[in-house]
Protein backbone atom coordinates (compact mmCIF):
# COMPACT_ATOMS: atom_id res chain seq x y z
CA MET A 1 0.00 -0.03 -0.10
CA ALA A 2 1.29 3.40 -1.08
CA SER A 3 2.13 5.90 1.91
CA ARG A 4 -0.33 8.47 2.65
CA LEU A 5 2.63 11.05 2.34
CA ALA A 6 3.48 9.99 -1.25
CA ASN A 7 3.86 12.92 -3.39
CA SER A 8 2.67 15.29 -0.64
CA TRP A 9 4.71 18.52 -0.14
CA VAL A 10 6.61 18.61 3.14
CA LEU A 11 8.44 21.65 4.40
CA ILE A 12 11.13 21.27 7.08
CA THR A 13 12.93 24.13 8.83
CA GLY A 14 16.25 23.50 10.50
CA ALA A 15 16.73 20.68 8.06
CA SER A 16 20.58 20.93 7.83
CA SER A 17 21.30 18.76 10.80
CA GLY A 18 19.79 16.72 13.77
CA PHE A 19 16.13 16.12 13.80
CA GLY A 20 15.62 18.08 10.61
CA GLU A 21 18.11 16.19 8.63
CA ALA A 22 16.65 12.90 9.95
CA ALA A 23 13.26 14.06 9.07
CA ALA A 24 14.09 14.71 5.43
CA ARG A 25 15.51 11.28 5.17
CA ALA A 26 12.27 9.70 6.92
CA PHE A 27 9.75 11.72 4.70
CA ALA A 28 11.97 11.01 1.57
CA ALA A 29 11.51 7.23 2.27
CA GLU A 30 7.68 7.80 2.34
CA GLY A 31 7.98 9.31 -1.28
CA ALA A 32 7.28 12.86 -0.21
CA ARG A 33 8.42 16.01 -1.89
CA LEU A 34 10.69 18.11 0.22
CA LEU A 35 11.15 21.78 0.73
CA LEU A 36 14.07 22.20 3.13
CA GLY A 37 15.23 25.45 4.86
CA ALA A 38 18.12 26.18 7.16
CA ARG A 39 20.99 28.72 7.60
CA ARG A 40 23.81 26.49 6.40
CA LEU A 41 23.15 26.25 2.80
CA GLU A 42 25.91 23.81 1.80
CA ARG A 43 24.90 21.34 4.36
CA LEU A 44 21.31 21.74 3.43
CA GLU A 45 22.08 20.96 -0.26
CA ARG A 46 23.74 17.83 0.82
CA VAL A 47 20.70 16.76 3.01
CA ALA A 48 18.47 17.47 -0.11
CA ALA A 49 20.79 15.17 -2.30
CA ASP A 50 20.65 12.37 0.28
CA ALA A 51 16.86 12.85 0.41
CA ARG A 52 16.47 12.41 -3.26
CA SER A 53 18.70 9.31 -2.94
CA ALA A 54 16.35 7.97 -0.28
CA GLY A 55 13.18 8.14 -2.33
CA ALA A 56 12.03 11.77 -2.51
CA PRO A 57 10.73 12.63 -6.15
CA GLU A 58 11.87 16.18 -5.43
CA ALA A 59 13.95 17.80 -2.70
CA HIS A 60 14.77 21.40 -2.88
CA ALA A 61 17.01 23.49 -0.54
CA HIS A 62 17.00 27.31 0.23
CA VAL A 63 18.62 29.36 2.93
CA LEU A 64 16.26 30.25 5.79
CA ASP A 65 16.75 32.08 9.07
CA VAL A 66 13.32 31.85 11.02
CA GLY A 67 14.47 34.46 13.35
CA SER A 68 14.16 36.95 10.42
CA THR A 69 10.69 37.89 9.09
CA GLU A 70 12.38 38.99 5.86
CA SER A 71 14.10 35.67 5.34
CA VAL A 72 10.77 33.79 6.10
CA GLU A 73 8.98 35.81 3.55
CA THR A 74 11.74 35.36 0.94
CA PHE A 75 11.84 31.65 1.72
CA VAL A 76 8.02 31.33 1.31
CA ARG A 77 8.19 33.25 -1.99
CA TRP A 78 10.72 30.59 -3.15
CA VAL A 79 8.36 27.88 -2.00
CA ARG A 80 5.54 29.47 -4.01
CA GLY A 81 7.68 29.12 -7.19
CA ARG A 82 7.69 25.48 -6.71
CA THR A 83 4.28 24.47 -5.39
CA GLU A 84 0.87 25.86 -4.67
CA ARG A 85 0.37 23.83 -1.64
CA VAL A 86 2.22 22.60 1.45
CA ASP A 87 0.78 19.43 3.02
CA VAL A 88 3.00 19.18 6.03
CA LEU A 89 4.95 22.00 7.89
CA VAL A 90 7.49 20.85 10.35
CA ASN A 91 8.67 23.69 12.51
CA ASN A 92 11.83 22.23 13.72
CA ALA A 93 14.36 25.18 13.71
CA GLY A 94 15.34 26.03 17.20
CA GLY A 95 17.96 25.31 19.88
CA ALA A 96 19.40 26.49 23.15
CA HIS A 97 22.02 28.99 23.85
CA GLY A 98 23.93 28.88 27.29
CA LEU A 99 23.14 27.20 30.54
CA GLU A 100 23.30 29.96 33.14
CA PRO A 101 20.98 31.12 35.85
CA VAL A 102 18.78 34.04 35.12
CA THR A 103 21.12 36.42 37.03
CA GLU A 104 23.96 35.53 34.73
CA GLY A 105 22.09 35.34 31.33
CA ARG A 106 22.90 37.17 28.23
CA ASP A 107 20.57 39.19 26.09
CA SER A 108 21.99 37.75 23.02
CA ASP A 109 21.39 34.09 24.15
CA TRP A 110 17.87 34.91 25.31
CA GLU A 111 16.99 36.72 22.22
CA ALA A 112 18.17 33.98 19.98
CA MET A 113 16.21 31.47 21.79
CA VAL A 114 12.96 33.27 21.76
CA GLN A 115 13.35 34.24 18.08
CA SER A 116 14.18 30.55 16.88
CA ASN A 117 12.00 28.48 19.20
CA LEU A 118 8.93 30.67 19.50
CA LEU A 119 8.73 33.64 17.10
CA GLY A 120 10.21 31.44 14.26
CA ALA A 121 7.45 28.87 14.51
CA ALA A 122 4.83 31.57 14.54
CA ARG A 123 6.34 33.40 11.43
CA MET A 124 6.34 30.22 9.59
CA CYS A 125 2.80 29.39 10.46
CA ARG A 126 1.67 32.82 9.45
CA ALA A 127 3.46 32.47 6.13
CA VAL A 128 2.71 28.89 5.13
CA LEU A 129 -0.95 28.42 6.27
CA PRO A 130 -2.22 30.25 3.25
CA LEU A 131 -0.78 27.34 1.28
CA MET A 132 -2.21 24.50 3.36
CA PRO A 133 -5.23 22.59 2.00
CA ARG A 134 -8.32 22.25 3.87
CA ASP A 135 -9.94 19.03 4.88
CA ALA A 136 -7.19 16.91 3.27
CA GLY A 137 -5.10 15.94 6.31
CA ALA A 138 -2.60 18.83 6.32
CA THR A 139 -0.54 19.01 9.34
CA VAL A 140 1.31 21.65 11.31
CA LEU A 141 3.97 19.83 13.42
CA ASN A 142 5.88 21.93 15.91
CA ILE A 143 8.88 20.33 17.45
CA GLY A 144 8.89 21.29 21.14
CA SER A 145 10.71 19.92 24.14
CA ILE A 146 10.03 18.14 27.37
CA ALA A 147 11.60 21.46 28.81
CA GLY A 148 8.40 23.32 27.77
CA ARG A 149 6.52 21.09 30.11
CA THR A 150 9.11 20.52 32.96
CA PRO A 151 11.37 23.56 33.57
CA TYR A 152 14.99 22.91 34.84
CA GLU A 153 17.55 25.10 36.62
CA ASN A 154 19.80 27.37 34.51
CA GLY A 155 17.54 26.81 31.49
CA ALA A 156 14.76 29.29 32.31
CA LEU A 157 14.68 31.17 28.87
CA TYR A 158 14.88 27.96 26.75
CA CYS A 159 12.14 26.43 28.94
CA ALA A 160 9.99 29.59 28.58
CA ALA A 161 10.54 29.70 24.79
CA LYS A 162 9.50 25.93 24.52
CA ALA A 163 6.52 26.60 26.78
CA GLY A 164 5.55 29.42 24.62
CA GLU A 165 5.83 27.04 21.62
CA LEU A 166 3.54 24.72 23.30
CA ALA A 167 0.88 27.49 24.08
CA LEU A 168 1.18 28.55 20.35
CA THR A 169 0.34 25.08 19.17
CA ARG A 170 -2.63 24.69 21.47
CA ALA A 171 -4.02 28.16 20.45
CA LEU A 172 -3.42 27.59 16.80
CA ARG A 173 -5.13 24.43 17.01
CA LEU A 174 -8.28 26.27 18.31
CA GLU A 175 -7.94 28.79 15.64
CA LEU A 176 -7.98 26.28 12.91
CA CYS A 177 -10.71 24.09 14.34
CA GLY A 178 -13.17 23.30 11.44
CA THR A 179 -10.60 23.66 8.75
CA GLY A 180 -9.37 20.28 8.63
CA ILE A 181 -5.77 21.33 9.30
CA ARG A 182 -4.21 19.28 12.09
CA VAL A 183 -1.93 21.10 14.63
CA ALA A 184 0.52 18.79 16.66
CA THR A 185 3.47 19.28 18.77
CA LEU A 186 6.18 16.49 19.24
CA ASP A 187 8.14 17.06 22.47
CA PRO A 188 11.37 15.17 22.85
CA GLY A 189 13.44 14.61 26.05
CA LEU A 190 17.18 14.07 26.04
CA ALA A 191 18.37 13.47 22.42
CA GLU A 192 21.91 13.41 21.16
CA THR A 193 22.27 15.91 18.25
CA GLU A 194 24.17 19.16 17.89
CA PHE A 195 22.10 20.60 20.58
CA SER A 196 24.62 20.61 23.40
CA MET A 197 27.52 21.73 21.04
CA VAL A 198 25.40 24.78 20.26
CA ARG A 199 24.35 25.48 23.88
CA PHE A 200 27.96 25.30 25.01
CA LYS A 201 29.32 27.36 22.07
CA GLY A 202 31.31 24.56 20.47
CA ASP A 203 32.73 23.07 23.84
CA ALA A 204 32.81 19.45 22.81
CA ASP A 205 34.07 18.19 26.28
CA ARG A 206 31.07 19.88 28.03
CA ALA A 207 28.56 18.81 25.43
CA LYS A 208 29.69 15.21 25.86
CA LYS A 209 29.30 15.12 29.43
CA VAL A 210 25.60 15.86 29.04
CA TYR A 211 25.15 12.30 27.71
CA GLU A 212 27.29 10.40 30.14
CA GLY A 213 25.57 7.60 31.71
CA THR A 214 22.38 7.90 29.54
CA HIS A 215 20.98 6.17 26.51
CA PRO A 216 19.46 9.26 24.79
CA LEU A 217 17.18 9.42 21.80
CA ARG A 218 18.53 9.53 18.29
CA PRO A 219 17.38 11.73 15.59
CA ASP A 220 15.96 8.99 13.73
CA ASP A 221 13.73 8.14 16.74
CA VAL A 222 12.17 11.59 16.61
CA ALA A 223 11.88 11.69 12.77
CA GLU A 224 10.02 8.30 12.83
CA ALA A 225 7.48 9.78 15.22
CA MET A 226 7.09 12.88 12.92
CA VAL A 227 6.06 10.69 9.94
CA TRP A 228 3.83 8.71 12.05
CA ILE A 229 1.95 11.88 13.34
CA ALA A 230 1.77 13.39 9.70
CA SER A 231 0.52 10.20 8.13
CA ARG A 232 -2.47 9.55 10.27
CA PRO A 233 -5.78 9.51 8.40
CA PRO A 234 -7.19 13.16 7.69
CA HIS A 235 -9.81 12.82 10.55
CA VAL A 236 -7.17 11.87 13.05
CA CYS A 237 -5.15 14.58 14.96
CA ILE A 238 -2.41 13.63 17.27
CA ASP A 239 -2.61 16.76 19.47
CA GLU A 240 0.55 16.28 21.58
CA MET A 241 3.28 13.50 21.88
CA VAL A 242 6.08 13.34 24.35
CA ILE A 243 8.91 11.07 23.58
CA LYS A 244 11.69 10.26 26.01
CA PRO A 245 14.59 7.73 26.30
CA ALA A 246 13.69 4.88 28.44
CA ARG A 247 16.85 4.81 30.65
CA CYS A 248 17.23 8.59 31.34
CA LEU A 249 15.38 10.76 33.90
CA LYS A 250 16.90 13.94 32.56
CA ASN A 251 14.67 16.50 30.88
CA ARG A 252 17.14 18.40 28.77
């Protein structure tokens, strides 16, 4: 039986690495057509090439910074040049910057986290929703975090941004009630990606210690859940999913 996602158009932000890169491979294996955005264009183009090799009939890449309204609008104009519809929007771009108490926090880190995790998702929804078909199983899938549900010390602004993303998802679902567009959040716990390298400004030793004594999620675990959520029958909405490693109690 053909996948429900075959030949659908799937737009993924933050697709140059981590969950986004894994999602590109996973949706490609379902025969989806991909629109990939991220800031690192060279890496993004390699992901698009790999996705075509994995089964995507089409996989296109364009630079995207969700922290910039101008970049989002330019990206969506580019999207409109390739398709009149987007069936699945995966708001994956985001990340954490720094791990300090509020009294030692830096504006640059705080602003980057709010821009990418919260405002970026809102910008993408605002720009892409006019392209999403009604009553056909279209899906907005926001990639949140367990941190948006269970805050932890020294992560106040990241937790707040992800809590905001969760509230955005819930409010948007109410706004779109009756349109047939599903709105979901997928909230992972501890996962091994470039997340900690970014948070600790490239300090590999410190990033490695985050995962000591744990068996964290892998990007493919999260990507598999994304595909499952997006491929439910059109009348089924997976409102919220929390996915955590079985052998780890850490939230971040």
